């Protein structure tokens, strides 16, 4: 077993799953490329000495996606879910290496229970490779944990240039005289940043035509709260967000809390209060309820929540 991540997970309510290890397993591929590919598996336990393999293993495999390899990944408990930026790798068949040049960027998967992971828009990149001639134009390797500070997420990664061809022992330069299992090219560290909750977002298909999305029922027992949203790319009368509050069982807008009565949200910030003309969430005499969030123009919605009023 080759370990990739050791994690103490205080978010998991089960003390028998407090510690988690992600390790590398080998599988036969279902697409052209290497004869063996790397998948990732999970083990958990009450401590690091007593671990049990997850029945969901492998938790992510290139055989389930479009990529040809998944070498490294990041795993982080985050707001009741688990985010997994992972190394999305592929080979460009050319005259370098056994299978060609190895390339990789960073893409996103997530889980609600920490065991079953889904890719999020796998064609979209979280961290992109550099342009040709830049220091990270070859492939990227993500660190195992994020740093979150002052409403910003810091993602550290390692970058290799396009001159990286293959591991020593397979296609190493004739002048390289040392046995090694690592790269003979220079690796450098990079930093990518996201706004809080910025791993992914909701937006309309073309970022022009308006669209809406309903939530699952929400149970808020404290009446002294206000709805806040995390939005960006907003402009007054062009790109904004509106919210309406619905009965949890029937598709009916509650009195005073319609989108027409909602004050347009066009402030780019991570905690923007949502207000309605002449009404408030504190006046609701029922819970649970649902929200329907309306997006206009290029607006992006990252998250919503409830803060003390």
Protein backbone atom coordinates (compact mmCIF):
# COMPACT_ATOMS: atom_id res chain seq x y z
CA UNK A 1 0.00 0.00 0.00
CA UNK A 2 1.31 3.43 -0.98
CA UNK A 3 -0.30 6.06 1.22
CA UNK A 4 -1.31 9.44 -0.22
CA UNK A 5 -3.30 11.17 2.55
CA UNK A 6 -3.58 10.85 6.33
CA UNK A 7 -6.52 12.79 7.73
CA UNK A 8 -8.04 13.33 11.15
CA UNK A 9 -11.69 13.96 10.35
CA UNK A 10 -13.46 15.79 13.18
CA UNK A 11 -16.43 16.42 10.89
CA UNK A 12 -17.42 12.73 10.80
CA UNK A 13 -19.88 12.00 13.66
CA UNK A 14 -18.72 8.37 13.86
CA UNK A 15 -15.66 8.04 16.16
CA UNK A 16 -14.89 4.74 14.44
CA UNK A 17 -14.13 6.75 11.29
CA UNK A 18 -12.15 9.54 12.93
CA UNK A 19 -8.92 8.79 11.05
CA UNK A 20 -8.84 8.29 7.31
CA UNK A 21 -6.11 7.15 4.94
CA UNK A 22 -6.26 7.38 1.16
CA UNK A 23 -3.97 4.90 -0.52
CA UNK A 24 -3.03 3.96 -4.03
CA UNK A 25 -4.27 0.78 -5.65
CA UNK A 26 -3.52 -0.56 -9.12
CA UNK A 27 -6.15 -1.50 -11.70
CA UNK A 28 -6.25 -2.67 -15.28
CA UNK A 29 -7.28 0.18 -17.59
CA UNK A 30 -10.35 0.31 -19.80
CA UNK A 31 -8.79 2.71 -22.31
CA UNK A 32 -5.51 2.97 -24.27
CA UNK A 33 -2.38 3.86 -22.31
CA UNK A 34 -0.41 2.18 -19.54
CA UNK A 35 -0.93 -1.49 -18.77
CA UNK A 36 -1.74 -0.57 -15.15
CA UNK A 37 -3.34 2.61 -13.83
CA UNK A 38 -3.56 4.13 -10.37
CA UNK A 39 -6.84 4.25 -8.48
CA UNK A 40 -7.45 5.64 -4.99
CA UNK A 41 -8.91 3.71 -2.09
CA UNK A 42 -9.99 4.67 1.43
CA UNK A 43 -9.48 3.13 4.86
CA UNK A 44 -10.77 4.52 8.17
CA UNK A 45 -10.71 3.72 11.87
CA UNK A 46 -10.72 5.10 15.43
CA UNK A 47 -6.93 5.57 15.25
CA UNK A 48 -4.12 5.09 12.75
CA UNK A 49 -3.31 1.60 14.06
CA UNK A 50 -6.75 0.10 13.38
CA UNK A 51 -8.03 0.84 9.90
CA UNK A 52 -10.72 -0.83 7.82
CA UNK A 53 -11.01 -0.69 4.04
CA UNK A 54 -14.10 1.11 2.73
CA UNK A 55 -16.57 -1.14 0.90
CA UNK A 56 -16.87 1.68 -1.66
CA UNK A 57 -13.25 1.19 -2.85
CA UNK A 58 -11.90 2.40 -5.12
CA UNK A 59 -13.36 5.78 -4.23
CA UNK A 60 -12.09 7.25 -7.52
CA UNK A 61 -10.55 5.55 -10.54
CA UNK A 62 -9.59 6.70 -14.05
CA UNK A 63 -11.70 3.80 -15.32
CA UNK A 64 -14.77 5.72 -14.14
CA UNK A 65 -13.83 8.96 -15.89
CA UNK A 66 -12.22 10.42 -18.99
CA UNK A 67 -8.72 10.72 -17.51
CA UNK A 68 -6.02 8.06 -17.98
CA UNK A 69 -4.30 8.48 -14.59
CA UNK A 70 -5.02 9.84 -11.12
CA UNK A 71 -1.73 10.12 -9.24
CA UNK A 72 -2.34 12.50 -6.34
CA UNK A 73 -5.31 14.26 -4.84
CA UNK A 74 -6.43 16.55 -2.05
CA UNK A 75 -9.12 15.49 0.41
CA UNK A 76 -10.75 17.94 2.83
CA UNK A 77 -13.84 17.84 5.04
CA UNK A 78 -15.67 21.03 4.10
CA UNK A 79 -18.98 22.38 5.47
CA UNK A 80 -20.52 18.96 5.96
CA UNK A 81 -19.22 17.56 2.68
CA UNK A 82 -15.85 16.36 1.33
CA UNK A 83 -14.03 18.09 -1.52
CA UNK A 84 -11.48 16.27 -3.63
CA UNK A 85 -9.42 18.29 -6.11
CA UNK A 86 -7.56 15.56 -7.98
CA UNK A 87 -4.79 15.17 -10.54
CA UNK A 88 -6.52 14.59 -13.87
CA UNK A 89 -3.82 12.98 -16.03
CA UNK A 90 -3.53 11.98 -19.68
CA UNK A 91 -0.84 11.06 -22.22
CA UNK A 92 -0.06 12.88 -25.44
CA UNK A 93 1.25 10.20 -27.85
CA UNK A 94 4.50 11.56 -29.27
CA UNK A 95 8.14 10.52 -29.35
CA UNK A 96 8.78 11.08 -25.63
CA UNK A 97 8.36 8.45 -22.93
CA UNK A 98 6.71 5.08 -23.23
CA UNK A 99 3.18 6.32 -23.77
CA UNK A 100 4.04 9.89 -24.75
CA UNK A 101 4.20 13.06 -22.68
CA UNK A 102 2.37 12.90 -19.38
CA UNK A 103 0.08 15.87 -18.82
CA UNK A 104 -2.19 16.74 -15.89
CA UNK A 105 -4.23 19.54 -14.42
CA UNK A 106 -6.45 19.68 -11.33
CA UNK A 107 -10.18 18.93 -11.43
CA UNK A 108 -12.87 18.40 -8.80
CA UNK A 109 -14.82 15.58 -7.18
CA UNK A 110 -16.94 15.68 -4.03
CA UNK A 111 -18.78 13.43 -1.60
CA UNK A 112 -21.58 13.88 0.93
CA UNK A 113 -20.60 10.87 3.04
CA UNK A 114 -16.82 10.73 2.58
CA UNK A 115 -16.91 7.41 0.70
CA UNK A 116 -18.89 7.83 -2.52
CA UNK A 117 -17.39 10.49 -4.79
CA UNK A 118 -18.74 12.18 -7.89
CA UNK A 119 -16.84 14.31 -10.40
CA UNK A 120 -18.07 17.89 -10.71
CA UNK A 121 -18.18 19.05 -14.35
CA UNK A 122 -15.12 16.89 -15.17
CA UNK A 123 -14.40 18.87 -18.34
CA UNK A 124 -13.74 22.00 -16.25
CA UNK A 125 -10.41 22.69 -14.56
CA UNK A 126 -9.85 23.93 -11.01
CA UNK A 127 -6.16 24.70 -11.67
CA UNK A 128 -4.99 24.89 -15.28
CA UNK A 129 -1.57 24.10 -16.72
CA UNK A 130 0.59 27.00 -17.77
CA UNK A 131 0.88 28.15 -21.35
CA UNK A 132 3.73 26.67 -23.40
CA UNK A 133 7.04 28.03 -22.14
CA UNK A 134 5.78 28.70 -18.62
CA UNK A 135 7.17 26.83 -15.61
CA UNK A 136 4.09 24.62 -15.12
CA UNK A 137 3.18 23.85 -18.74
CA UNK A 138 3.69 20.09 -18.33
CA UNK A 139 1.66 18.66 -15.48
CA UNK A 140 0.45 19.61 -12.01
CA UNK A 141 0.46 17.71 -8.71
CA UNK A 142 -1.91 18.91 -5.96
CA UNK A 143 -1.00 18.96 -2.25
CA UNK A 144 -3.06 16.83 0.13
CA UNK A 145 -4.80 19.58 2.17
CA UNK A 146 -6.05 23.16 1.58
CA UNK A 147 -5.40 26.17 3.76
CA UNK A 148 -8.45 28.32 4.54
CA UNK A 149 -7.90 31.79 6.00
CA UNK A 150 -9.73 35.13 5.87
CA UNK A 151 -12.45 33.97 3.45
CA UNK A 152 -9.90 32.62 0.99
CA UNK A 153 -8.90 29.07 0.06
CA UNK A 154 -5.22 28.44 -0.69
CA UNK A 155 -4.33 25.46 -2.91
CA UNK A 156 -0.63 24.62 -3.11
CA UNK A 157 0.56 22.52 -6.01
CA UNK A 158 3.73 21.33 -7.71
CA UNK A 159 4.33 22.13 -11.38
CA UNK A 160 6.53 20.46 -13.97
CA UNK A 161 7.56 21.91 -17.31
CA UNK A 162 6.86 20.37 -20.69
CA UNK A 163 10.50 19.27 -20.84
CA UNK A 164 9.64 16.57 -18.27
CA UNK A 165 9.37 13.41 -20.33
CA UNK A 166 9.42 10.25 -18.24
CA UNK A 167 10.66 8.63 -15.05
CA UNK A 168 14.37 7.73 -14.85
CA UNK A 169 14.97 4.16 -15.87
CA UNK A 170 12.58 4.38 -18.79
CA UNK A 171 13.64 7.38 -20.82
CA UNK A 172 16.18 9.20 -18.70
CA UNK A 173 18.85 11.36 -20.35
CA UNK A 174 22.06 9.42 -21.09
CA UNK A 175 24.05 11.91 -19.00
CA UNK A 176 21.96 11.16 -15.87
CA UNK A 177 24.07 8.64 -13.95
CA UNK A 178 22.08 8.11 -10.74
CA UNK A 179 19.39 5.50 -10.07
CA UNK A 180 16.21 7.22 -9.05
CA UNK A 181 12.45 6.80 -8.88
CA UNK A 182 11.80 10.51 -9.25
CA UNK A 183 11.93 13.17 -11.91
CA UNK A 184 15.24 14.45 -13.21
CA UNK A 185 13.68 17.80 -14.12
CA UNK A 186 13.08 20.80 -11.90
CA UNK A 187 9.79 20.88 -9.96
CA UNK A 188 8.45 24.13 -8.58
CA UNK A 189 5.71 25.02 -6.12
CA UNK A 190 2.73 27.12 -7.12
CA UNK A 191 -0.23 28.63 -5.34
CA UNK A 192 -3.80 28.98 -6.57
CA UNK A 193 -6.45 30.81 -4.56
CA UNK A 194 -10.23 30.59 -4.46
CA UNK A 195 -12.81 32.69 -2.69
CA UNK A 196 -14.50 30.97 0.25
CA UNK A 197 -16.82 28.22 -1.08
CA UNK A 198 -15.24 28.79 -4.48
CA UNK A 199 -14.58 25.16 -5.41
CA UNK A 200 -17.59 25.31 -7.70
CA UNK A 201 -20.63 27.47 -8.35
CA UNK A 202 -24.04 27.68 -9.97
CA UNK A 203 -24.52 29.73 -13.13
CA UNK A 204 -26.92 29.65 -16.06
CA UNK A 205 -25.97 27.67 -19.15
CA UNK A 206 -24.88 30.64 -21.25
CA UNK A 207 -24.52 33.21 -18.43
CA UNK A 208 -27.04 35.37 -20.27
CA UNK A 209 -30.45 33.68 -20.20
CA UNK A 210 -32.07 33.78 -16.71
CA UNK A 211 -32.43 30.53 -14.77
CA UNK A 212 -33.48 29.28 -11.37
CA UNK A 213 -32.81 26.41 -8.97
CA UNK A 214 -34.88 25.16 -6.00
CA UNK A 215 -33.36 23.87 -2.77
CA UNK A 216 -34.25 20.86 -0.69
CA UNK A 217 -36.46 21.61 2.37
CA UNK A 218 -34.60 23.70 4.95
CA UNK A 219 -35.38 23.53 8.67
CA UNK A 220 -34.45 26.76 10.50
CA UNK A 221 -35.89 26.93 14.00
CA UNK A 222 -34.16 30.15 15.07
CA UNK A 223 -36.28 33.06 13.86
CA UNK A 224 -33.51 35.58 14.55
CA UNK A 225 -31.55 34.80 11.37
CA UNK A 226 -31.10 36.28 7.92
CA UNK A 227 -30.32 34.62 4.62
CA UNK A 228 -26.88 35.39 3.17
CA UNK A 229 -25.48 34.42 -0.24
CA UNK A 230 -21.98 34.18 -1.69
CA UNK A 231 -22.11 35.65 -5.21
CA UNK A 232 -19.78 37.11 -7.83
CA UNK A 233 -19.79 38.53 -11.38
CA UNK A 234 -22.81 40.68 -10.58
CA UNK A 235 -23.82 44.10 -11.96
CA UNK A 236 -26.85 46.20 -11.28
CA UNK A 237 -29.62 45.70 -13.87
CA UNK A 238 -27.47 43.22 -15.83
CA UNK A 239 -26.31 40.32 -13.64
CA UNK A 240 -27.88 39.72 -10.24
CA UNK A 241 -29.57 37.20 -7.93
CA UNK A 242 -33.09 37.11 -6.47
CA UNK A 243 -34.53 34.66 -3.94
CA UNK A 244 -38.06 33.57 -3.12
CA UNK A 245 -39.25 31.42 -0.21
CA UNK A 246 -41.62 28.50 -0.86
CA UNK A 247 -43.81 26.23 1.17
CA UNK A 248 -41.80 23.03 1.71
CA UNK A 249 -44.58 20.74 0.49
CA UNK A 250 -46.38 22.84 -2.10
CA UNK A 251 -44.82 24.92 -4.86
CA UNK A 252 -46.31 28.10 -3.43
CA UNK A 253 -44.47 31.33 -2.72
CA UNK A 254 -44.95 32.53 0.85
CA UNK A 255 -46.56 35.91 1.34
CA UNK A 256 -44.12 38.82 1.22
CA UNK A 257 -41.16 36.62 0.23
CA UNK A 258 -41.49 36.46 -3.56
CA UNK A 259 -38.69 37.19 -6.01
CA UNK A 260 -40.53 40.33 -7.11
CA UNK A 261 -40.32 41.60 -3.51
CA UNK A 262 -36.70 40.52 -3.11
CA UNK A 263 -34.12 43.31 -3.20
CA UNK A 264 -31.78 42.55 -6.11
CA UNK A 265 -28.44 41.12 -4.99
CA UNK A 266 -25.65 42.68 -7.04
CA UNK A 267 -22.84 42.99 -4.48
CA UNK A 268 -19.81 40.77 -5.09
CA UNK A 269 -19.05 39.34 -1.63
CA UNK A 270 -19.03 36.07 0.30
CA UNK A 271 -21.81 37.09 2.74
CA UNK A 272 -24.43 39.32 1.14
CA UNK A 273 -27.68 39.65 3.16
CA UNK A 274 -30.88 38.93 1.23
CA UNK A 275 -33.84 41.20 2.02
CA UNK A 276 -37.46 41.45 0.94
CA UNK A 277 -39.55 44.60 0.86
CA UNK A 278 -41.81 44.59 3.88
CA UNK A 279 -41.07 41.01 5.04
CA UNK A 280 -38.34 38.88 6.60
CA UNK A 281 -37.52 35.25 7.35
CA UNK A 282 -38.06 35.98 11.03
CA UNK A 283 -41.77 36.46 10.34
CA UNK A 284 -42.18 32.92 9.01
CA UNK A 285 -44.55 30.83 11.10
CA UNK A 286 -43.51 27.58 9.48
CA UNK A 287 -40.44 25.43 9.02
CA UNK A 288 -39.17 23.70 6.98
CA UNK A 289 -39.35 25.79 3.83
CA UNK A 290 -37.61 25.83 0.48
CA UNK A 291 -35.77 28.52 -1.44
CA UNK A 292 -35.84 29.17 -5.16
CA UNK A 293 -32.78 31.10 -6.30
CA UNK A 294 -33.00 33.06 -9.55
CA UNK A 295 -29.83 33.93 -11.47
CA UNK A 296 -29.67 36.63 -14.12
CA UNK A 297 -26.92 37.34 -16.63
CA UNK A 298 -23.40 36.27 -15.65
CA UNK A 299 -24.10 36.00 -11.91
CA UNK A 300 -22.43 33.14 -10.07
CA UNK A 301 -23.77 31.65 -6.84
CA UNK A 302 -21.26 29.81 -4.65
CA UNK A 303 -23.20 29.23 -1.45
CA UNK A 304 -26.02 30.35 0.80
CA UNK A 305 -26.45 30.17 4.54
CA UNK A 306 -28.06 31.74 7.58
CA UNK A 307 -26.39 34.26 9.89
CA UNK A 308 -27.72 35.84 13.11
CA UNK A 309 -29.88 38.81 12.19
